[in-house]
């Protein structure tokens, strides 16, 4: 993140949803809505069934 959100710049969790402006990530049972325009880098790890 370019700027801290909820006092954090790094979020590691499960992608819950997304739209044109935000993503929602669940981290330790808590959902965080993150604006796409403030995300510098994202690393996605696909879940293998």
C-alpha atoms as a PDB file:
ATOM      1  CA  UNK A   1       0.000   0.000   0.000  1.00  0.00           C
ATOM      2  CA  UNK A   2       1.212   3.515  -0.712  1.00  0.00           C
ATOM      3  CA  UNK A   3      -0.346   4.763   2.520  1.00  0.00           C
ATOM      4  CA  UNK A   4      -1.187   2.907   5.733  1.00  0.00           C
ATOM      5  CA  UNK A   5      -4.772   1.709   6.132  1.00  0.00           C
ATOM      6  CA  UNK A   6      -5.853   0.738   9.643  1.00  0.00           C
ATOM      7  CA  UNK A   7      -2.215   1.313  10.641  1.00  0.00           C
ATOM      8  CA  UNK A   8      -0.867  -1.242   8.132  1.00  0.00           C
ATOM      9  CA  UNK A   9       0.773  -1.204   4.734  1.00  0.00           C
ATOM     10  CA  UNK A  10       0.860  -4.987   4.173  1.00  0.00           C
ATOM     11  CA  UNK A  11      -2.137  -7.283   4.101  1.00  0.00           C
ATOM     12  CA  UNK A  12      -1.839 -11.036   3.720  1.00  0.00           C
ATOM     13  CA  UNK A  13      -5.123 -12.908   3.580  1.00  0.00           C
ATOM     14  CA  UNK A  14      -7.932 -14.192   1.399  1.00  0.00           C
ATOM     15  CA  UNK A  15      -9.381 -12.117  -1.426  1.00  0.00           C
ATOM     16  CA  UNK A  16     -13.111 -11.951  -0.689  1.00  0.00           C
ATOM     17  CA  UNK A  17     -14.416  -9.640  -3.422  1.00  0.00           C
ATOM     18  CA  UNK A  18     -13.497  -6.867  -5.823  1.00  0.00           C
ATOM     19  CA  UNK A  19     -15.106  -4.165  -7.917  1.00  0.00           C
ATOM     20  CA  UNK A  20     -13.860  -1.308 -10.092  1.00  0.00           C
ATOM     21  CA  UNK A  21     -12.496   0.698  -7.145  1.00  0.00           C
ATOM     22  CA  UNK A  22     -11.797  -1.634  -4.192  1.00  0.00           C
ATOM     23  CA  UNK A  23     -10.876  -5.122  -3.112  1.00  0.00           C
ATOM     24  CA  UNK A  24     -11.911  -6.778   0.132  1.00  0.00           C
ATOM     25  CA  UNK A  25      -9.338  -8.957   1.858  1.00  0.00           C
ATOM     26  CA  UNK A  26     -10.019 -11.090   4.931  1.00  0.00           C
ATOM     27  CA  UNK A  27      -7.084 -11.114   7.341  1.00  0.00           C
ATOM     28  CA  UNK A  28      -7.350 -13.081  10.603  1.00  0.00           C
ATOM     29  CA  UNK A  29     -11.156 -13.092  10.432  1.00  0.00           C
ATOM     30  CA  UNK A  30     -11.397  -9.337   9.823  1.00  0.00           C
ATOM     31  CA  UNK A  31     -12.376  -7.817   6.449  1.00  0.00           C
ATOM     32  CA  UNK A  32     -10.457  -4.860   5.036  1.00  0.00           C
ATOM     33  CA  UNK A  33     -11.650  -2.819   2.058  1.00  0.00           C
ATOM     34  CA  UNK A  34      -8.611  -1.580   0.135  1.00  0.00           C
ATOM     35  CA  UNK A  35      -8.749   1.038  -2.649  1.00  0.00           C
ATOM     36  CA  UNK A  36      -7.134  -0.298  -5.831  1.00  0.00           C
ATOM     37  CA  UNK A  37      -5.500   3.047  -6.603  1.00  0.00           C
ATOM     38  CA  UNK A  38      -3.395   2.806  -3.422  1.00  0.00           C
ATOM     39  CA  UNK A  39      -2.066  -0.725  -4.024  1.00  0.00           C
ATOM     40  CA  UNK A  40       1.540  -0.719  -5.236  1.00  0.00           C
ATOM     41  CA  UNK A  41       2.182  -4.474  -5.516  1.00  0.00           C
ATOM     42  CA  UNK A  42       0.020  -7.555  -5.112  1.00  0.00           C
ATOM     43  CA  UNK A  43       1.073 -11.187  -5.032  1.00  0.00           C
ATOM     44  CA  UNK A  44      -1.702 -13.693  -5.607  1.00  0.00           C
ATOM     45  CA  UNK A  45      -1.343 -17.359  -4.714  1.00  0.00           C
ATOM     46  CA  UNK A  46      -3.972 -19.552  -6.389  1.00  0.00           C
ATOM     47  CA  UNK A  47      -5.601 -22.201  -4.252  1.00  0.00           C
ATOM     48  CA  UNK A  48      -4.956 -25.667  -5.623  1.00  0.00           C
ATOM     49  CA  UNK A  49      -7.817 -28.089  -5.146  1.00  0.00           C
END
